[in-house]
Each structure stands twice: as structure tokens, then as C-alpha cells.
Amino acid sequence: MATILIVDDEPMQIRLLRAIMEETDHRVLEATGGQQALDVMAQQSCDLIITDCDMPGMNGLELAQRVLAYQPDFPILFLTGAMSDDRQLAIEAMGCQGITKPYSPLRLLALVNQLLS
């Protein structure tokens, strides 16, 4: 299956996402922030990023901008506690998808499959 980079500053969220992704045979890489995610990507390839929007330092939107500057079609799925109109527009303008917390694991997997196809 795919290699998925999970980026979140909350360890519990990483563990939850890891369990969901590994249950469907995906390989998981982890990062606790945007800069660490870029460092991971410099060392290992991945097929999809699942990132929190709100993190200290480099947030998920900034991470996406940096990744998409070099790989314009790279699939990115944003997780957010609240989806404001501005945030939704920013995510859509980048050609990405977003899902609000709490999310259904089935909905999350459907979006992951959609982004990977």
C-alpha cells in the first residue's frame, strides 16, 4: 500500500491515525511539526501527507505551500478542529482536501483512498 506521513503536534492524534492507517496496511511515517515533516520527506519518500492545520512553528498550511511549491500535485489531507470559510478556501485553492475533528475513520479512509487514486 502507500506510505503516509502523519504530521500533528498531538501524540494521541498521531497514534490514532497510525492505528487507522496501519489497519489498512499503509506504512506510516511521523512528524510532530511542519519543519520535522520536511526533514522526514528529505530522507524518505511518501505518497500522502495527513497534517493538522494548527501547530506551533510551521503550521499545516505553510507545510503544504512548501511541499506544493516543489511537487504541485502532491496529495495532502488536512485535519482541523474547525473549518472556517477562509481555511476551506485556502485548502481548496491548493487542490487539497480537509476533514474536521472528530472524524469518522471510514470517512477519513475514503478521503485517503480518493487522494491516493
Protein backbone atom coordinates (compact mmCIF):
# COMPACT_ATOMS: atom_id res chain seq x y z
CA MET A 1 0.00 0.00 0.00
CA ALA A 2 1.01 3.63 0.38
CA THR A 3 3.46 5.41 2.66
CA ILE A 4 1.66 8.12 4.60
CA LEU A 5 3.33 10.94 6.54
CA ILE A 6 1.27 11.97 9.57
CA VAL A 7 2.03 15.45 10.89
CA ASP A 8 0.49 16.54 14.19
CA ASP A 9 1.73 18.13 17.39
CA GLU A 10 -0.57 15.92 19.49
CA PRO A 11 0.90 12.44 20.13
CA MET A 12 -2.56 10.94 20.75
CA GLN A 13 -3.72 12.09 17.31
CA ILE A 14 -0.63 10.53 15.70
CA ARG A 15 -1.28 7.22 17.49
CA LEU A 16 -4.93 7.23 16.40
CA LEU A 17 -4.08 7.99 12.77
CA ARG A 18 -1.27 5.43 12.77
CA ALA A 19 -3.67 2.73 14.00
CA ILE A 20 -6.24 3.58 11.32
CA MET A 21 -3.67 3.68 8.51
CA GLU A 22 -1.82 0.53 9.59
CA GLU A 23 -5.12 -1.34 9.89
CA THR A 24 -5.45 -0.87 6.13
CA ASP A 25 -1.82 -1.90 5.51
CA HIS A 26 -0.38 1.56 4.91
CA ARG A 27 3.17 2.33 6.02
CA VAL A 28 3.29 5.32 8.39
CA LEU A 29 5.92 8.00 8.93
CA GLU A 30 5.52 10.58 11.71
CA ALA A 31 6.39 14.21 12.33
CA THR A 32 5.36 16.50 15.18
CA GLY A 33 5.56 19.71 13.16
CA GLY A 34 5.99 21.21 9.73
CA GLN A 35 9.77 21.51 9.74
CA GLN A 36 10.19 17.97 11.01
CA ALA A 37 7.86 16.81 8.21
CA LEU A 38 10.10 18.46 5.61
CA ASP A 39 13.12 16.79 7.22
CA VAL A 40 11.39 13.39 7.07
CA MET A 41 10.47 13.96 3.41
CA ALA A 42 14.09 14.82 2.60
CA GLN A 43 15.11 11.37 3.92
CA GLN A 44 12.19 9.15 2.89
CA SER A 45 9.60 9.22 0.16
CA CYS A 46 5.92 9.21 0.94
CA ASP A 47 2.72 9.11 -1.09
CA LEU A 48 0.42 11.28 1.03
CA ILE A 49 0.59 13.77 3.89
CA ILE A 50 -2.09 13.91 6.57
CA THR A 51 -1.47 17.09 8.55
CA ASP A 52 -3.05 19.07 11.32
CA CYS A 53 -3.73 22.67 10.34
CA ASP A 54 -2.87 24.27 13.69
CA MET A 55 0.60 23.51 15.02
CA PRO A 56 3.25 25.69 16.64
CA GLY A 57 6.01 26.88 14.36
CA MET A 58 5.22 25.93 10.77
CA ASN A 59 1.51 25.12 10.55
CA GLY A 60 -0.08 22.68 8.13
CA LEU A 61 -0.95 25.31 5.53
CA GLU A 62 2.65 26.56 5.45
CA LEU A 63 3.89 22.98 5.17
CA ALA A 64 1.56 22.36 2.24
CA GLN A 65 2.70 25.52 0.47
CA ARG A 66 6.32 24.43 0.73
CA VAL A 67 5.63 20.87 -0.46
CA LEU A 68 3.38 22.00 -3.31
CA ALA A 69 5.97 24.54 -4.49
CA TYR A 70 8.18 21.58 -5.48
CA GLN A 71 5.54 18.91 -6.12
CA PRO A 72 2.36 20.71 -7.27
CA ASP A 73 0.17 17.59 -7.41
CA PHE A 74 1.27 16.06 -4.10
CA PRO A 75 -1.78 14.76 -2.18
CA ILE A 76 -2.36 16.44 1.19
CA LEU A 77 -5.22 15.89 3.62
CA PHE A 78 -5.76 18.49 6.34
CA LEU A 79 -7.22 17.75 9.76
CA THR A 80 -8.74 20.67 11.62
CA GLY A 81 -10.83 21.29 14.70
CA ALA A 82 -12.84 23.96 12.90
CA MET A 83 -13.22 24.62 9.18
CA SER A 84 -13.71 28.34 8.64
CA ASP A 85 -14.66 29.60 5.19
CA ASP A 86 -11.21 31.15 4.79
CA ARG A 87 -9.46 27.93 5.73
CA GLN A 88 -11.69 25.89 3.41
CA LEU A 89 -10.94 28.27 0.54
CA ALA A 90 -7.19 28.10 1.22
CA ILE A 91 -7.26 24.29 1.28
CA GLU A 92 -9.30 24.10 -1.94
CA ALA A 93 -7.09 26.69 -3.66
CA MET A 94 -4.12 24.38 -3.06
CA GLY A 95 -6.05 21.46 -4.56
CA CYS A 96 -6.13 19.63 -1.23
CA GLN A 97 -8.83 18.06 0.95
CA GLY A 98 -9.81 18.78 4.54
CA ILE A 99 -11.73 16.97 7.27
CA THR A 100 -12.83 18.26 10.67
CA LYS A 101 -12.18 16.59 14.01
CA PRO A 102 -13.75 14.47 15.29
CA TYR A 103 -13.89 12.47 12.10
CA SER A 104 -15.24 9.08 11.17
CA PRO A 105 -12.44 6.59 10.40
CA LEU A 106 -14.48 5.44 7.39
CA ARG A 107 -14.73 9.00 6.06
CA LEU A 108 -11.01 9.51 6.66
CA LEU A 109 -10.15 6.31 4.79
CA ALA A 110 -12.45 7.27 1.93
CA LEU A 111 -10.60 10.58 1.54
CA VAL A 112 -7.22 8.84 1.78
CA ASN A 113 -8.23 6.38 -0.94
CA GLN A 114 -9.55 9.21 -3.09
CA LEU A 115 -6.30 11.17 -2.76
CA LEU A 116 -4.16 8.13 -3.49
CA SER A 117 -6.06 7.12 -6.64
